[in-house]
Structures are given as C-alpha cells and as structure tokens.
Amino acid sequence: MPQFFLNKRLIVLLLSIIILVALIGFSMRERSKLTWPEQFVKDSVGWVQSLVSKPAYVVAGFFENLKDLENTYQENKELKSRVEQIVSLESQVQDLKKDNADLRNVLGEKKTLRDFKPLPATVIGRNPDRWHEMIIIDKGKINGIKQNMAVVTANGLIGKVKNVNQFSSTVQLLSAMDPKNRISAVVQGQKNSFGFVEGFDSEKKLLQVKTIPSGAIIKKGQTVVTSGLGGVFPKDLPIGKVVEVKPDQYGLNQTALVKPGADFYDIQNVLVITRTMTSPDVGLVDSKGLGL
C-alpha cells in the first residue's frame, strides 16, 4: 500500500511538471491577446508595483535632492573662493599692465611682439583629398590679407596663409606634411625652451616641435606658444600642450609631441592675425634659421 501511494505521488509530480512546462511554453509564445488569468495576474502585479514604486520614488528623490543640495553647497563654497582669487588676480594684472605701460613710455617703446589685430573669416572650401592640409577662407587682398599671416581659432593656432587671391585666401594647416611648414615656438616653463613646429604625426594626431636643446627640461602638460621671433607671427599665440618628449635620431636635440589646442578636422570660423609690429624681411629671417 505505501508503494502504491509513493508511485501515485510520483505520477502526480510528473504530471504537474508537464503541465507547468506546457503553461510556460504557452505563455511565452507570441500572441495578440492574453488569456483572462494572465491579464488578471499582470494587472494585479502592475497595480502593486505602482503602489510600491511611487512612494519609493518620492523617498529616493528626497534623498537625491538632499545630496544635490549638499553638492551645491560645496560647489558654491569652491566657486566663491575661486571668485576671490580671480578678483585678486585681476587686480594684479591691472597693476602689471600699468607698470608695463609706464616702463614702455619711459623707454619709448609703444609696440611689442604680442601686439596684433584679428580679422574674422569663414571657411568656404576644403578639398577632401587634402582635408588635413588646406582650407579656403572668404577674405583676400581687399581685406588686407597677406601671405604667411597666422590663422587661429578660439582654441589655438591652426596654420598660416599660403596663397592670397583678391576675394579669398588659402590657409595651410599645421597638420600639412610640408617640410617648409616651419613655425618658431617656445615651450613655456620656469625656463623657456625654443624649438620649431615641424611636421605632424598623423597616427597620434600630434604636432612635432623639433630642435629643442637636449639639456632643456620639458615636462608633460607644458604649454607651447609662438615665440614671435620668426618675424611674422606675433608672440604667445597658443599652439598646444606637451604630451611626450623624445630625443632625436642623433641624440643632440629633443622632439616634443604636442597635442594641438585647435581641432584641425572641424573648422568653420577663424581669425587671421595681423601683426602690428614692423616685421623684418622674411627671406632674411629664414636664412638665419628663425623660421616663421
């Protein structure tokens, strides 16, 4: 008798499993309409979930608001301290400007290598085959554009004017693989280090600043700007930040790989820089190796 009941329970268990699997398979297949038990279960579960989730969201939102309020308080304190520093720096800058102007008046110097006039222009053309080499802007001779003028965006130097027409000009980008595309630059630090922007690493998308003396200490993150010694570009136009430094093939100089501040790929609006200080003869400058 016990064996009979045992077999009976086993049969019932097997039948239950079969029915359960059949129901699961039936419920998982794609149907346009659900059965009324499924609808009842889903509606009940959905009602309970909404009943529980709404208070949970309210509580969670309350704690998130408290956290945001605390973050806002901390950010406000930090911003206040920065504002105080900025006010102090502005005061120092004004004093330095006044002192600089007074000294220049005493020495009779009215212009410096930093003085320039910006001329806004818009990019109107770009050859897909030479995308990383040339752009065409809508300013030309009638606007006062001249060959070798520096061209910048809001983020930094992008190149120089290569050819000038009456109503438009062609700009050669720093990313162009042209050995003559040579710009005098300086790596800013406790002691400035001079070099030349020569070439572009197309794989790493980095500018190459060459002929830096081997004894110069160059660190990652230092700023690279124009030196103003080339005779055409004004001083302190931003170029980029140092990413890596390596010795040249002979070990006499160093080459700094610089991440440009400007985006050479997406260029729409530029500024053509007109240097106000009298420039020396470009041919003489190049013969002395100062570059542009």
C-alpha atoms as a PDB file:
ATOM      1  CA  MET A   1       0.000   0.000   0.000  1.00  0.00           C
ATOM      2  CA  PRO A   2       2.727   2.553   0.793  1.00  0.00           C
ATOM      3  CA  GLN A   3       4.406   1.695  -2.503  1.00  0.00           C
ATOM      4  CA  PHE A   4       1.150   2.469  -4.342  1.00  0.00           C
ATOM      5  CA  PHE A   5       0.861   5.910  -2.754  1.00  0.00           C
ATOM      6  CA  LEU A   6       4.505   6.596  -3.487  1.00  0.00           C
ATOM      7  CA  ASN A   7       4.056   5.802  -7.172  1.00  0.00           C
ATOM      8  CA  LYS A   8       0.873   7.845  -7.218  1.00  0.00           C
ATOM      9  CA  ARG A   9       2.669  10.899  -5.803  1.00  0.00           C
ATOM     10  CA  LEU A  10       5.431  10.485  -8.340  1.00  0.00           C
ATOM     11  CA  ILE A  11       2.922  10.344 -11.189  1.00  0.00           C
ATOM     12  CA  VAL A  12       1.168  13.457  -9.890  1.00  0.00           C
ATOM     13  CA  LEU A  13       4.504  15.272  -9.615  1.00  0.00           C
ATOM     14  CA  LEU A  14       5.457  14.340 -13.175  1.00  0.00           C
ATOM     15  CA  LEU A  15       2.046  15.421 -14.492  1.00  0.00           C
ATOM     16  CA  SER A  16       2.370  18.726 -12.628  1.00  0.00           C
ATOM     17  CA  ILE A  17       5.788  19.378 -14.118  1.00  0.00           C
ATOM     18  CA  ILE A  18       4.489  18.581 -17.619  1.00  0.00           C
ATOM     19  CA  ILE A  19       1.518  20.886 -17.165  1.00  0.00           C
ATOM     20  CA  LEU A  20       3.767  23.649 -15.783  1.00  0.00           C
ATOM     21  CA  VAL A  21       6.164  23.388 -18.724  1.00  0.00           C
ATOM     22  CA  ALA A  22       3.221  23.411 -21.131  1.00  0.00           C
ATOM     23  CA  LEU A  23       1.802  26.531 -19.480  1.00  0.00           C
ATOM     24  CA  ILE A  24       5.203  28.269 -19.609  1.00  0.00           C
ATOM     25  CA  GLY A  25       5.590  27.429 -23.270  1.00  0.00           C
ATOM     26  CA  PHE A  26       2.047  28.579 -23.967  1.00  0.00           C
ATOM     27  CA  SER A  27       2.569  31.888 -22.194  1.00  0.00           C
ATOM     28  CA  MET A  28       5.903  32.582 -23.904  1.00  0.00           C
ATOM     29  CA  ARG A  29       4.693  32.237 -27.470  1.00  0.00           C
ATOM     30  CA  GLU A  30       3.710  35.335 -29.405  1.00  0.00           C
ATOM     31  CA  ARG A  31       0.029  36.107 -29.167  1.00  0.00           C
ATOM     32  CA  SER A  32      -2.090  39.118 -29.976  1.00  0.00           C
ATOM     33  CA  LYS A  33      -4.253  38.633 -26.856  1.00  0.00           C
ATOM     34  CA  LEU A  34      -3.640  37.304 -23.364  1.00  0.00           C
ATOM     35  CA  THR A  35      -5.918  34.937 -21.525  1.00  0.00           C
ATOM     36  CA  TRP A  36      -8.033  36.364 -18.708  1.00  0.00           C
ATOM     37  CA  PRO A  37      -5.920  34.708 -15.940  1.00  0.00           C
ATOM     38  CA  GLU A  38      -2.754  36.226 -17.436  1.00  0.00           C
ATOM     39  CA  GLN A  39      -4.424  39.603 -17.736  1.00  0.00           C
ATOM     40  CA  PHE A  40      -5.590  39.383 -14.120  1.00  0.00           C
ATOM     41  CA  VAL A  41      -2.117  38.458 -12.865  1.00  0.00           C
ATOM     42  CA  LYS A  42      -0.374  41.169 -14.910  1.00  0.00           C
ATOM     43  CA  ASP A  43      -2.881  43.835 -13.872  1.00  0.00           C
ATOM     44  CA  SER A  44      -2.561  42.832 -10.211  1.00  0.00           C
ATOM     45  CA  VAL A  45       1.233  42.839 -10.329  1.00  0.00           C
ATOM     46  CA  GLY A  46       1.262  46.171 -12.157  1.00  0.00           C
ATOM     47  CA  TRP A  47      -1.089  47.752  -9.607  1.00  0.00           C
ATOM     48  CA  VAL A  48       1.059  46.512  -6.698  1.00  0.00           C
ATOM     49  CA  GLN A  49       4.257  47.746  -8.425  1.00  0.00           C
ATOM     50  CA  SER A  50       2.792  51.203  -8.982  1.00  0.00           C
ATOM     51  CA  LEU A  51       1.556  51.262  -5.385  1.00  0.00           C
ATOM     52  CA  VAL A  52       5.055  50.485  -4.103  1.00  0.00           C
ATOM     53  CA  SER A  53       7.135  52.383  -6.662  1.00  0.00           C
ATOM     54  CA  LYS A  54       5.541  55.800  -6.208  1.00  0.00           C
ATOM     55  CA  PRO A  55       6.432  56.148  -2.506  1.00  0.00           C
ATOM     56  CA  ALA A  56       9.841  54.626  -3.226  1.00  0.00           C
ATOM     57  CA  TYR A  57      10.495  57.227  -5.932  1.00  0.00           C
ATOM     58  CA  VAL A  58       9.388  60.002  -3.588  1.00  0.00           C
ATOM     59  CA  VAL A  59      11.749  58.829  -0.844  1.00  0.00           C
ATOM     60  CA  ALA A  60      14.627  58.277  -3.276  1.00  0.00           C
ATOM     61  CA  GLY A  61      14.043  61.685  -4.836  1.00  0.00           C
ATOM     62  CA  PHE A  62      14.078  63.301  -1.389  1.00  0.00           C
ATOM     63  CA  PHE A  63      17.487  61.825  -0.552  1.00  0.00           C
ATOM     64  CA  GLU A  64      18.828  62.699  -4.030  1.00  0.00           C
ATOM     65  CA  ASN A  65      17.684  66.293  -3.520  1.00  0.00           C
ATOM     66  CA  LEU A  66      19.486  66.382  -0.168  1.00  0.00           C
ATOM     67  CA  LYS A  67      22.648  65.083  -1.807  1.00  0.00           C
ATOM     68  CA  ASP A  68      22.331  67.604  -4.659  1.00  0.00           C
ATOM     69  CA  LEU A  69      21.834  70.358  -2.102  1.00  0.00           C
ATOM     70  CA  GLU A  70      24.982  69.302  -0.263  1.00  0.00           C
ATOM     71  CA  ASN A  71      26.941  69.170  -3.544  1.00  0.00           C
ATOM     72  CA  THR A  72      25.612  72.597  -4.495  1.00  0.00           C
ATOM     73  CA  TYR A  73      26.728  73.970  -1.134  1.00  0.00           C
ATOM     74  CA  GLN A  74      30.250  72.583  -1.590  1.00  0.00           C
ATOM     75  CA  GLU A  75      30.458  73.837  -5.179  1.00  0.00           C
ATOM     76  CA  ASN A  76      29.223  77.253  -4.074  1.00  0.00           C
ATOM     77  CA  LYS A  77      31.987  77.466  -1.436  1.00  0.00           C
ATOM     78  CA  GLU A  78      34.606  76.444  -4.006  1.00  0.00           C
ATOM     79  CA  LEU A  79      33.316  78.923  -6.588  1.00  0.00           C
ATOM     80  CA  LYS A  80      33.349  81.713  -4.008  1.00  0.00           C
ATOM     81  CA  SER A  81      36.990  81.001  -3.209  1.00  0.00           C
ATOM     82  CA  ARG A  82      37.804  80.976  -6.927  1.00  0.00           C
ATOM     83  CA  VAL A  83      35.989  84.284  -7.431  1.00  0.00           C
ATOM     84  CA  GLU A  84      38.074  85.803  -4.654  1.00  0.00           C
ATOM     85  CA  GLN A  85      41.237  84.501  -6.328  1.00  0.00           C
ATOM     86  CA  ILE A  86      40.108  85.873  -9.698  1.00  0.00           C
ATOM     87  CA  VAL A  87      39.448  89.291  -8.190  1.00  0.00           C
ATOM     88  CA  SER A  88      42.948  89.244  -6.680  1.00  0.00           C
ATOM     89  CA  LEU A  89      44.488  88.151  -9.986  1.00  0.00           C
ATOM     90  CA  GLU A  90      42.578  90.846 -11.905  1.00  0.00           C
ATOM     91  CA  SER A  91      43.941  93.438  -9.519  1.00  0.00           C
ATOM     92  CA  GLN A  92      47.489  92.114 -10.044  1.00  0.00           C
ATOM     93  CA  VAL A  93      47.013  92.064 -13.825  1.00  0.00           C
ATOM     94  CA  GLN A  94      45.836  95.670 -13.821  1.00  0.00           C
ATOM     95  CA  ASP A  95      48.861  96.694 -11.748  1.00  0.00           C
ATOM     96  CA  LEU A  96      51.216  94.805 -14.072  1.00  0.00           C
ATOM     97  CA  LYS A  97      49.604  96.364 -17.143  1.00  0.00           C
ATOM     98  CA  LYS A  98      50.034  99.822 -15.645  1.00  0.00           C
ATOM     99  CA  ASP A  99      53.661  99.131 -14.704  1.00  0.00           C
ATOM    100  CA  ASN A 100      54.321  97.721 -18.175  1.00  0.00           C
ATOM    101  CA  ALA A 101      52.776 100.727 -19.866  1.00  0.00           C
ATOM    102  CA  ASP A 102      54.779 103.116 -17.654  1.00  0.00           C
ATOM    103  CA  LEU A 103      58.036 101.299 -18.427  1.00  0.00           C
ATOM    104  CA  ARG A 104      57.330 101.313 -22.154  1.00  0.00           C
ATOM    105  CA  ASN A 105      56.606 105.028 -22.016  1.00  0.00           C
ATOM    106  CA  VAL A 106      59.898 105.620 -20.220  1.00  0.00           C
ATOM    107  CA  LEU A 107      61.781 103.523 -22.784  1.00  0.00           C
ATOM    108  CA  GLY A 108      59.870 104.985 -25.718  1.00  0.00           C
ATOM    109  CA  GLU A 109      58.565 101.559 -26.819  1.00  0.00           C
ATOM    110  CA  LYS A 110      54.973 101.638 -27.998  1.00  0.00           C
ATOM    111  CA  LYS A 111      54.693  98.172 -29.566  1.00  0.00           C
ATOM    112  CA  THR A 112      55.640  94.640 -28.569  1.00  0.00           C
ATOM    113  CA  LEU A 113      55.813  91.226 -30.204  1.00  0.00           C
ATOM    114  CA  ARG A 114      52.399  90.431 -28.697  1.00  0.00           C
ATOM    115  CA  ASP A 115      50.539  93.242 -30.498  1.00  0.00           C
ATOM    116  CA  PHE A 116      48.226  92.128 -33.302  1.00  0.00           C
ATOM    117  CA  LYS A 117      44.872  92.805 -34.937  1.00  0.00           C
ATOM    118  CA  PRO A 118      42.449  89.910 -35.538  1.00  0.00           C
ATOM    119  CA  LEU A 119      40.412  89.704 -38.745  1.00  0.00           C
ATOM    120  CA  PRO A 120      37.467  87.251 -38.632  1.00  0.00           C
ATOM    121  CA  ALA A 121      36.927  84.940 -41.615  1.00  0.00           C
ATOM    122  CA  THR A 122      34.773  81.970 -42.566  1.00  0.00           C
ATOM    123  CA  VAL A 123      35.894  78.706 -44.149  1.00  0.00           C
ATOM    124  CA  ILE A 124      34.231  78.423 -47.568  1.00  0.00           C
ATOM    125  CA  GLY A 125      36.077  75.485 -49.107  1.00  0.00           C
ATOM    126  CA  ARG A 126      38.031  72.347 -48.333  1.00  0.00           C
ATOM    127  CA  ASN A 127      39.402  69.713 -50.691  1.00  0.00           C
ATOM    128  CA  PRO A 128      38.510  66.183 -49.454  1.00  0.00           C
ATOM    129  CA  ASP A 129      41.804  64.861 -50.861  1.00  0.00           C
ATOM    130  CA  ARG A 130      43.761  67.449 -48.860  1.00  0.00           C
ATOM    131  CA  TRP A 131      41.435  67.737 -45.844  1.00  0.00           C
ATOM    132  CA  HIS A 132      44.304  67.896 -43.340  1.00  0.00           C
ATOM    133  CA  GLU A 133      46.402  70.307 -45.421  1.00  0.00           C
ATOM    134  CA  MET A 134      44.419  73.257 -46.786  1.00  0.00           C
ATOM    135  CA  ILE A 135      41.303  75.332 -46.184  1.00  0.00           C
ATOM    136  CA  ILE A 136      39.911  78.289 -48.131  1.00  0.00           C
ATOM    137  CA  ILE A 137      38.598  81.378 -46.333  1.00  0.00           C
ATOM    138  CA  ASP A 138      36.408  84.229 -47.571  1.00  0.00           C
ATOM    139  CA  LYS A 139      38.940  87.033 -47.036  1.00  0.00           C
ATOM    140  CA  GLY A 140      41.591  88.172 -49.523  1.00  0.00           C
ATOM    141  CA  LYS A 141      43.724  91.078 -50.676  1.00  0.00           C
ATOM    142  CA  ILE A 142      40.881  93.578 -50.486  1.00  0.00           C
ATOM    143  CA  ASN A 143      40.581  92.768 -46.779  1.00  0.00           C
ATOM    144  CA  GLY A 144      44.290  93.265 -46.125  1.00  0.00           C
ATOM    145  CA  ILE A 145      45.243  89.573 -46.025  1.00  0.00           C
ATOM    146  CA  LYS A 146      48.895  88.850 -46.819  1.00  0.00           C
ATOM    147  CA  GLN A 147      50.936  85.715 -47.279  1.00  0.00           C
ATOM    148  CA  ASN A 148      52.260  83.980 -44.127  1.00  0.00           C
ATOM    149  CA  MET A 149      49.799  85.629 -41.748  1.00  0.00           C
ATOM    150  CA  ALA A 150      48.888  83.427 -38.788  1.00  0.00           C
ATOM    151  CA  VAL A 151      45.413  81.865 -38.671  1.00  0.00           C
ATOM    152  CA  VAL A 152      43.834  80.799 -35.377  1.00  0.00           C
ATOM    153  CA  THR A 153      40.568  79.558 -33.923  1.00  0.00           C
ATOM    154  CA  ALA A 154      39.240  80.174 -30.419  1.00  0.00           C
ATOM    155  CA  ASN A 155      41.340  77.222 -29.211  1.00  0.00           C
ATOM    156  CA  GLY A 156      44.686  77.934 -30.818  1.00  0.00           C
ATOM    157  CA  LEU A 157      46.863  78.264 -33.902  1.00  0.00           C
ATOM    158  CA  ILE A 158      45.832  76.205 -36.950  1.00  0.00           C
ATOM    159  CA  GLY A 159      48.191  77.437 -39.679  1.00  0.00           C
ATOM    160  CA  LYS A 160      49.238  80.307 -41.930  1.00  0.00           C
ATOM    161  CA  VAL A 161      48.082  81.974 -45.125  1.00  0.00           C
ATOM    162  CA  LYS A 162      49.672  80.191 -48.077  1.00  0.00           C
ATOM    163  CA  ASN A 163      48.186  81.967 -51.120  1.00  0.00           C
ATOM    164  CA  VAL A 164      46.156  85.163 -51.378  1.00  0.00           C
ATOM    165  CA  ASN A 165      43.582  85.992 -54.050  1.00  0.00           C
ATOM    166  CA  GLN A 166      41.512  89.113 -54.439  1.00  0.00           C
ATOM    167  CA  PHE A 167      38.491  87.839 -52.509  1.00  0.00           C
ATOM    168  CA  SER A 168      39.715  84.635 -50.869  1.00  0.00           C
ATOM    169  CA  SER A 169      42.824  83.012 -49.405  1.00  0.00           C
ATOM    170  CA  THR A 170      44.242  79.529 -48.973  1.00  0.00           C
ATOM    171  CA  VAL A 171      45.414  78.552 -45.490  1.00  0.00           C
ATOM    172  CA  GLN A 172      47.992  75.820 -44.935  1.00  0.00           C
ATOM    173  CA  LEU A 173      47.264  73.881 -41.740  1.00  0.00           C
ATOM    174  CA  LEU A 174      49.869  72.852 -39.198  1.00  0.00           C
ATOM    175  CA  SER A 175      48.888  69.244 -39.915  1.00  0.00           C
ATOM    176  CA  ALA A 176      50.134  69.522 -43.513  1.00  0.00           C
ATOM    177  CA  MET A 177      53.081  67.251 -44.323  1.00  0.00           C
ATOM    178  CA  ASP A 178      55.226  70.044 -45.747  1.00  0.00           C
ATOM    179  CA  PRO A 179      58.887  70.381 -44.661  1.00  0.00           C
ATOM    180  CA  LYS A 180      58.702  74.122 -45.339  1.00  0.00           C
ATOM    181  CA  ASN A 181      55.801  74.498 -42.902  1.00  0.00           C
ATOM    182  CA  ARG A 182      58.066  75.679 -40.080  1.00  0.00           C
ATOM    183  CA  ILE A 183      56.962  77.846 -37.155  1.00  0.00           C
ATOM    184  CA  SER A 184      59.113  79.226 -34.345  1.00  0.00           C
ATOM    185  CA  ALA A 185      57.701  78.124 -30.996  1.00  0.00           C
ATOM    186  CA  VAL A 186      58.536  78.175 -27.308  1.00  0.00           C
ATOM    187  CA  VAL A 187      57.734  75.653 -24.572  1.00  0.00           C
ATOM    188  CA  GLN A 188      56.777  77.681 -21.516  1.00  0.00           C
ATOM    189  CA  GLY A 189      58.223  76.740 -18.120  1.00  0.00           C
ATOM    190  CA  GLN A 190      60.481  78.045 -15.383  1.00  0.00           C
ATOM    191  CA  LYS A 191      62.967  78.398 -18.209  1.00  0.00           C
ATOM    192  CA  ASN A 192      61.547  78.724 -21.714  1.00  0.00           C
ATOM    193  CA  SER A 193      62.773  76.275 -24.358  1.00  0.00           C
ATOM    194  CA  PHE A 194      62.712  77.251 -28.027  1.00  0.00           C
ATOM    195  CA  GLY A 195      62.060  74.988 -30.999  1.00  0.00           C
ATOM    196  CA  PHE A 196      60.231  74.739 -34.310  1.00  0.00           C
ATOM    197  CA  VAL A 197      56.882  73.197 -35.167  1.00  0.00           C
ATOM    198  CA  GLU A 198      57.917  70.879 -37.995  1.00  0.00           C
ATOM    199  CA  GLY A 199      55.686  68.045 -39.095  1.00  0.00           C
ATOM    200  CA  PHE A 200      52.635  66.219 -37.831  1.00  0.00           C
ATOM    201  CA  ASP A 201      52.323  62.677 -36.504  1.00  0.00           C
ATOM    202  CA  SER A 202      49.226  61.531 -38.406  1.00  0.00           C
ATOM    203  CA  GLU A 203      48.856  58.341 -36.340  1.00  0.00           C
ATOM    204  CA  LYS A 204      48.959  60.017 -32.915  1.00  0.00           C
ATOM    205  CA  LYS A 205      47.416  63.288 -34.199  1.00  0.00           C
ATOM    206  CA  LEU A 206      50.213  65.271 -32.549  1.00  0.00           C
ATOM    207  CA  LEU A 207      52.408  68.162 -33.696  1.00  0.00           C
ATOM    208  CA  GLN A 208      56.177  67.752 -33.608  1.00  0.00           C
ATOM    209  CA  VAL A 209      58.238  70.533 -32.040  1.00  0.00           C
ATOM    210  CA  LYS A 210      61.851  69.825 -33.027  1.00  0.00           C
ATOM    211  CA  THR A 211      65.359  71.172 -32.351  1.00  0.00           C
ATOM    212  CA  ILE A 212      64.754  71.643 -28.629  1.00  0.00           C
ATOM    213  CA  PRO A 213      68.174  71.570 -26.872  1.00  0.00           C
ATOM    214  CA  SER A 214      68.966  68.218 -25.237  1.00  0.00           C
ATOM    215  CA  GLY A 215      69.620  69.897 -21.877  1.00  0.00           C
ATOM    216  CA  ALA A 216      66.209  71.550 -21.739  1.00  0.00           C
ATOM    217  CA  ILE A 217      63.816  70.091 -19.164  1.00  0.00           C
ATOM    218  CA  ILE A 218      60.473  69.505 -20.884  1.00  0.00           C
ATOM    219  CA  LYS A 219      57.557  68.034 -18.936  1.00  0.00           C
ATOM    220  CA  LYS A 220      54.186  66.670 -19.935  1.00  0.00           C
ATOM    221  CA  GLY A 221      51.447  69.299 -19.804  1.00  0.00           C
ATOM    222  CA  GLN A 222      53.642  72.333 -20.528  1.00  0.00           C
ATOM    223  CA  THR A 223      52.144  74.925 -22.854  1.00  0.00           C
ATOM    224  CA  VAL A 224      53.577  75.591 -26.317  1.00  0.00           C
ATOM    225  CA  VAL A 225      53.081  79.020 -27.920  1.00  0.00           C
ATOM    226  CA  THR A 226      54.540  81.012 -30.788  1.00  0.00           C
ATOM    227  CA  SER A 227      57.820  82.722 -29.928  1.00  0.00           C
ATOM    228  CA  GLY A 228      57.295  85.873 -32.003  1.00  0.00           C
ATOM    229  CA  LEU A 229      60.918  85.614 -33.202  1.00  0.00           C
ATOM    230  CA  GLY A 230      60.089  84.481 -36.713  1.00  0.00           C
ATOM    231  CA  GLY A 231      59.239  87.950 -37.881  1.00  0.00           C
ATOM    232  CA  VAL A 232      55.660  87.226 -38.985  1.00  0.00           C
ATOM    233  CA  PHE A 233      53.675  85.615 -36.185  1.00  0.00           C
ATOM    234  CA  PRO A 234      53.020  87.615 -33.010  1.00  0.00           C
ATOM    235  CA  LYS A 235      54.178  86.239 -29.694  1.00  0.00           C
ATOM    236  CA  ASP A 236      52.180  83.926 -27.388  1.00  0.00           C
ATOM    237  CA  LEU A 237      49.638  82.527 -29.841  1.00  0.00           C
ATOM    238  CA  PRO A 238      48.612  79.201 -28.229  1.00  0.00           C
ATOM    239  CA  ILE A 239      49.637  76.040 -30.083  1.00  0.00           C
ATOM    240  CA  GLY A 240      49.021  73.169 -27.668  1.00  0.00           C
ATOM    241  CA  LYS A 241      50.214  71.072 -24.718  1.00  0.00           C
ATOM    242  CA  VAL A 242      53.221  68.743 -24.488  1.00  0.00           C
ATOM    243  CA  VAL A 243      52.228  65.068 -24.414  1.00  0.00           C
ATOM    244  CA  GLU A 244      55.566  63.323 -24.850  1.00  0.00           C
ATOM    245  CA  VAL A 245      59.265  64.171 -25.214  1.00  0.00           C
ATOM    246  CA  LYS A 246      61.834  62.035 -27.018  1.00  0.00           C
ATOM    247  CA  PRO A 247      65.435  62.522 -28.245  1.00  0.00           C
ATOM    248  CA  ASP A 248      66.065  62.949 -31.963  1.00  0.00           C
ATOM    249  CA  GLN A 249      67.879  60.309 -34.014  1.00  0.00           C
ATOM    250  CA  TYR A 250      71.297  61.798 -33.231  1.00  0.00           C
ATOM    251  CA  GLY A 251      70.654  62.485 -29.541  1.00  0.00           C
ATOM    252  CA  LEU A 252      71.704  66.139 -29.847  1.00  0.00           C
ATOM    253  CA  ASN A 253      68.231  67.648 -29.561  1.00  0.00           C
ATOM    254  CA  GLN A 254      64.776  66.750 -28.313  1.00  0.00           C
ATOM    255  CA  THR A 255      61.439  66.492 -30.058  1.00  0.00           C
ATOM    256  CA  ALA A 256      58.255  67.314 -28.165  1.00  0.00           C
ATOM    257  CA  LEU A 257      54.987  65.754 -29.288  1.00  0.00           C
ATOM    258  CA  VAL A 258      52.291  68.353 -28.753  1.00  0.00           C
ATOM    259  CA  LYS A 259      48.529  67.929 -28.684  1.00  0.00           C
ATOM    260  CA  PRO A 260      47.163  70.919 -30.619  1.00  0.00           C
ATOM    261  CA  GLY A 261      44.617  73.103 -28.884  1.00  0.00           C
ATOM    262  CA  ALA A 262      42.648  73.583 -32.104  1.00  0.00           C
ATOM    263  CA  ASP A 263      40.690  70.918 -33.954  1.00  0.00           C
ATOM    264  CA  PHE A 264      42.098  70.637 -37.484  1.00  0.00           C
ATOM    265  CA  TYR A 265      39.227  68.447 -38.635  1.00  0.00           C
ATOM    266  CA  ASP A 266      36.208  70.652 -37.865  1.00  0.00           C
ATOM    267  CA  ILE A 267      36.998  74.272 -38.758  1.00  0.00           C
ATOM    268  CA  GLN A 268      34.282  76.776 -39.579  1.00  0.00           C
ATOM    269  CA  ASN A 269      35.286  80.217 -38.325  1.00  0.00           C
ATOM    270  CA  VAL A 270      38.836  81.534 -37.963  1.00  0.00           C
ATOM    271  CA  LEU A 271      40.785  84.681 -37.138  1.00  0.00           C
ATOM    272  CA  VAL A 272      43.560  85.921 -39.395  1.00  0.00           C
ATOM    273  CA  ILE A 273      46.212  87.601 -37.242  1.00  0.00           C
ATOM    274  CA  THR A 274      47.782  90.819 -38.493  1.00  0.00           C
ATOM    275  CA  ARG A 275      50.976  91.633 -36.648  1.00  0.00           C
ATOM    276  CA  THR A 276      51.146  95.359 -35.842  1.00  0.00           C
ATOM    277  CA  MET A 277      54.874  95.477 -35.079  1.00  0.00           C
ATOM    278  CA  THR A 278      57.125  96.033 -38.090  1.00  0.00           C
ATOM    279  CA  SER A 279      58.321  92.680 -39.434  1.00  0.00           C
ATOM    280  CA  PRO A 280      61.811  92.030 -40.760  1.00  0.00           C
ATOM    281  CA  ASP A 281      62.405  90.676 -44.218  1.00  0.00           C
ATOM    282  CA  VAL A 282      61.075  87.082 -44.352  1.00  0.00           C
ATOM    283  CA  GLY A 283      63.916  85.871 -46.534  1.00  0.00           C
ATOM    284  CA  LEU A 284      66.479  87.241 -44.074  1.00  0.00           C
ATOM    285  CA  VAL A 285      64.659  85.619 -41.182  1.00  0.00           C
ATOM    286  CA  ASP A 286      64.576  82.222 -42.890  1.00  0.00           C
ATOM    287  CA  SER A 287      68.254  82.416 -43.800  1.00  0.00           C
ATOM    288  CA  LYS A 288      69.072  82.844 -40.117  1.00  0.00           C
ATOM    289  CA  GLY A 289      67.009  79.809 -39.246  1.00  0.00           C
ATOM    290  CA  LEU A 290      64.410  81.601 -37.154  1.00  0.00           C
ATOM    291  CA  GLY A 291      61.550  80.222 -39.190  1.00  0.00           C
ATOM    292  CA  LEU A 292      58.082  81.681 -39.358  1.00  0.00           C
END
